[in-house]
Amino acid sequence: MRRIGKGICLIAILSLVFFAFGCAKKKVEQAGEVTPPSQQKEVGPPSEMGMNMPGAEGGVQSTPQGEVVSGDVAAFEKDDIFFDYDKFSIRPDDRKVLSEKAAYLNAHPQMKVKIEGYCDERGTSEYNLALGERRAKAAQDYLVFLGIRPDRITTVSYGEEMPLDPGHNEEAWAKNRRAHFVIVE
């Protein structure tokens, strides 16, 4: 009799495990995973979204020969992308920023960019340097995915060393979890 009871318990447990873990789950984006633009929701040109894209009407201008005007560089470097706490995955709103940067870089094929990864002050210096590097690399990977040659992009991590906001609260920390873009050529 005990043997039958154990068998029934085992079947019940296996059934619960099957139903708990066997059902289809919604796909969760992994840290660092990039969703291709072809799978993203269509949003229209940046001008329709109220965004200024370098070279777009109302934005900065470049010469007909594709030479860079100093305002172009400043506009390109102005927009950073930001990350959630302890994450390095590209957020949907930042994909738009990276798409604009890719369009600008495609329009200026002679330009190279350095991506700087930053973190907030929480965590050890070593951990934050590694996380900053993963953030810069995630941005680089997305730009490469959008068609920018990898040899045009370098990355560096500053970890927590050069905060944008020196505050010690969530508002300041959110500003410091970022990737910054600098034109190097």
Protein backbone atom coordinates (compact mmCIF):
# COMPACT_ATOMS: atom_id res chain seq x y z
CA MET A 1 0.00 0.00 0.00
CA ARG A 2 2.84 2.41 0.82
CA ARG A 3 4.33 1.68 -2.56
CA ILE A 4 1.11 2.76 -4.34
CA GLY A 5 0.95 5.96 -2.25
CA LYS A 6 4.54 6.83 -3.16
CA GLY A 7 3.78 6.17 -6.83
CA ILE A 8 0.74 8.47 -6.74
CA CYS A 9 2.76 11.20 -5.01
CA LEU A 10 5.52 10.84 -7.59
CA ILE A 11 3.01 11.11 -10.45
CA ALA A 12 1.39 14.16 -8.84
CA ILE A 13 4.76 15.88 -8.38
CA LEU A 14 5.84 15.11 -11.95
CA SER A 15 2.51 16.44 -13.24
CA LEU A 16 2.93 19.68 -11.32
CA VAL A 17 6.49 20.09 -12.60
CA PHE A 18 5.33 19.41 -16.17
CA PHE A 19 2.53 21.96 -15.99
CA ALA A 20 4.67 24.55 -14.22
CA PHE A 21 7.65 24.34 -16.55
CA GLY A 22 6.24 22.73 -19.66
CA CYS A 23 3.87 25.52 -20.67
CA ALA A 24 4.99 28.00 -23.32
CA LYS A 25 6.36 31.18 -21.86
CA LYS A 26 6.69 34.63 -23.30
CA LYS A 27 10.18 35.24 -24.67
CA VAL A 28 12.21 37.38 -22.29
CA GLU A 29 15.02 39.54 -23.70
CA GLN A 30 18.31 38.42 -22.22
CA ALA A 31 20.85 40.93 -20.99
CA GLY A 32 22.88 42.13 -23.92
CA GLU A 33 20.53 40.60 -26.50
CA VAL A 34 19.76 42.86 -29.42
CA THR A 35 16.46 42.79 -31.28
CA PRO A 36 17.04 43.32 -35.00
CA PRO A 37 15.37 46.42 -36.43
CA SER A 38 13.35 44.19 -38.76
CA GLN A 39 11.60 42.75 -35.70
CA GLN A 40 11.00 46.11 -34.06
CA LYS A 41 7.82 48.12 -34.33
CA GLU A 42 7.78 50.62 -37.18
CA VAL A 43 7.83 54.17 -35.85
CA GLY A 44 8.44 56.40 -38.87
CA PRO A 45 11.19 58.92 -39.46
CA PRO A 46 12.71 60.70 -36.45
CA SER A 47 11.29 64.05 -37.60
CA GLU A 48 7.75 62.69 -37.15
CA MET A 49 8.61 61.63 -33.60
CA GLY A 50 9.82 65.10 -32.68
CA MET A 51 13.46 64.02 -32.67
CA ASN A 52 16.28 65.95 -34.25
CA MET A 53 18.52 63.81 -36.37
CA PRO A 54 21.82 65.25 -37.51
CA GLY A 55 21.38 66.50 -41.06
CA ALA A 56 17.57 66.50 -40.80
CA GLU A 57 15.52 69.63 -41.31
CA GLY A 58 15.83 71.86 -38.25
CA GLY A 59 18.96 69.99 -37.17
CA VAL A 60 22.56 70.56 -38.04
CA GLN A 61 23.76 70.60 -41.64
CA SER A 62 26.66 69.07 -43.51
CA THR A 63 28.23 70.24 -46.72
CA PRO A 64 27.26 68.66 -50.06
CA GLN A 65 30.62 66.85 -50.16
CA GLY A 66 29.77 65.07 -46.88
CA GLU A 67 32.25 67.10 -44.86
CA VAL A 68 31.41 67.43 -41.22
CA VAL A 69 30.31 70.74 -39.78
CA SER A 70 31.27 71.20 -36.12
CA GLY A 71 27.60 71.39 -35.13
CA ASP A 72 27.11 67.91 -36.63
CA VAL A 73 29.64 66.42 -34.25
CA ALA A 74 28.13 68.19 -31.23
CA ALA A 75 24.65 66.96 -32.16
CA PHE A 76 25.93 63.41 -32.62
CA GLU A 77 27.74 63.39 -29.28
CA LYS A 78 24.86 65.02 -27.40
CA ASP A 79 22.59 61.97 -27.12
CA ASP A 80 23.70 59.19 -24.78
CA ILE A 81 21.91 55.91 -24.25
CA PHE A 82 21.02 54.76 -20.75
CA PHE A 83 20.83 51.42 -18.98
CA ASP A 84 18.82 49.87 -16.19
CA TYR A 85 20.54 49.06 -12.89
CA ASP A 86 23.08 46.25 -13.25
CA LYS A 87 22.09 45.65 -16.91
CA PHE A 88 23.73 46.12 -20.29
CA SER A 89 20.82 45.37 -22.61
CA ILE A 90 19.76 48.07 -25.08
CA ARG A 91 16.38 49.55 -24.14
CA PRO A 92 13.74 50.10 -26.88
CA ASP A 93 13.88 53.90 -26.64
CA ASP A 94 17.67 53.79 -26.99
CA ARG A 95 17.43 51.68 -30.15
CA LYS A 96 15.99 54.77 -31.83
CA VAL A 97 18.98 56.84 -30.70
CA LEU A 98 21.37 54.19 -32.01
CA SER A 99 19.49 54.05 -35.32
CA GLU A 100 19.95 57.80 -35.68
CA LYS A 101 23.64 57.48 -34.88
CA ALA A 102 24.00 54.67 -37.44
CA ALA A 103 22.28 56.80 -40.10
CA TYR A 104 24.66 59.66 -39.34
CA LEU A 105 27.71 57.39 -39.46
CA ASN A 106 26.52 55.89 -42.75
CA ALA A 107 26.22 59.42 -44.16
CA HIS A 108 29.79 60.14 -43.01
CA PRO A 109 31.79 56.99 -43.83
CA GLN A 110 35.13 58.61 -42.98
CA MET A 111 34.13 59.12 -39.33
CA LYS A 112 35.08 56.84 -36.46
CA VAL A 113 33.41 56.74 -33.08
CA LYS A 114 34.51 55.83 -29.56
CA ILE A 115 31.82 54.46 -27.26
CA GLU A 116 32.43 55.12 -23.57
CA GLY A 117 30.70 52.90 -21.01
CA TYR A 118 29.79 54.28 -17.58
CA CYS A 119 28.20 52.99 -14.37
CA ASP A 120 26.83 54.41 -11.17
CA GLU A 121 28.87 54.32 -7.97
CA ARG A 122 27.35 51.13 -6.58
CA GLY A 123 29.49 48.01 -6.88
CA THR A 124 33.25 47.55 -6.82
CA SER A 125 35.52 49.44 -9.20
CA GLU A 126 36.45 46.19 -10.96
CA TYR A 127 32.81 45.18 -11.39
CA ASN A 128 31.83 48.61 -12.70
CA LEU A 129 34.71 48.66 -15.20
CA ALA A 130 33.55 45.29 -16.55
CA LEU A 131 29.90 46.39 -16.64
CA GLY A 132 30.85 49.65 -18.40
CA GLU A 133 32.73 47.62 -21.01
CA ARG A 134 29.70 45.35 -21.56
CA ARG A 135 27.49 48.43 -22.01
CA ALA A 136 29.85 49.98 -24.56
CA LYS A 137 30.14 46.62 -26.35
CA ALA A 138 26.34 46.22 -26.47
CA ALA A 139 26.06 49.63 -28.14
CA GLN A 140 28.88 48.71 -30.54
CA ASP A 141 27.21 45.40 -31.42
CA TYR A 142 23.95 47.19 -32.18
CA LEU A 143 25.66 49.73 -34.44
CA VAL A 144 27.45 46.90 -36.25
CA PHE A 145 24.11 45.14 -36.62
CA LEU A 146 22.78 48.34 -38.22
CA GLY A 147 25.58 48.25 -40.81
CA ILE A 148 28.48 50.19 -39.31
CA ARG A 149 31.84 48.49 -39.90
CA PRO A 150 33.41 47.27 -36.64
CA ASP A 151 36.76 48.88 -37.51
CA ARG A 152 35.08 52.30 -37.23
CA ILE A 153 34.11 51.73 -33.59
CA THR A 154 36.24 51.52 -30.45
CA THR A 155 35.05 51.04 -26.90
CA VAL A 156 36.37 52.05 -23.50
CA SER A 157 35.00 51.70 -19.99
CA TYR A 158 35.29 54.35 -17.33
CA GLY A 159 33.15 52.44 -14.83
CA GLU A 160 32.13 54.74 -12.00
CA GLU A 161 35.16 57.02 -12.33
CA MET A 162 33.68 59.96 -14.28
CA PRO A 163 30.04 60.42 -13.22
CA LEU A 164 27.81 62.73 -15.21
CA ASP A 165 25.92 63.55 -12.00
CA PRO A 166 27.93 63.40 -8.74
CA GLY A 167 24.79 62.88 -6.63
CA HIS A 168 24.21 59.86 -4.41
CA ASN A 169 20.60 59.02 -5.20
CA GLU A 170 18.61 57.07 -7.80
CA GLU A 171 18.12 60.13 -10.03
CA ALA A 172 21.88 60.71 -10.24
CA TRP A 173 22.67 57.01 -10.61
CA ALA A 174 20.22 56.70 -13.53
CA LYS A 175 22.08 59.50 -15.37
CA ASN A 176 25.42 57.77 -14.78
CA ARG A 177 24.40 54.37 -16.20
CA ARG A 178 25.09 55.25 -19.83
CA ALA A 179 27.07 54.90 -23.01
CA HIS A 180 28.50 58.11 -24.46
CA PHE A 181 29.59 58.54 -28.11
CA VAL A 182 32.61 60.58 -29.18
CA ILE A 183 33.71 61.22 -32.77
CA VAL A 184 37.43 60.45 -33.02
CA GLU A 185 38.04 61.14 -36.74
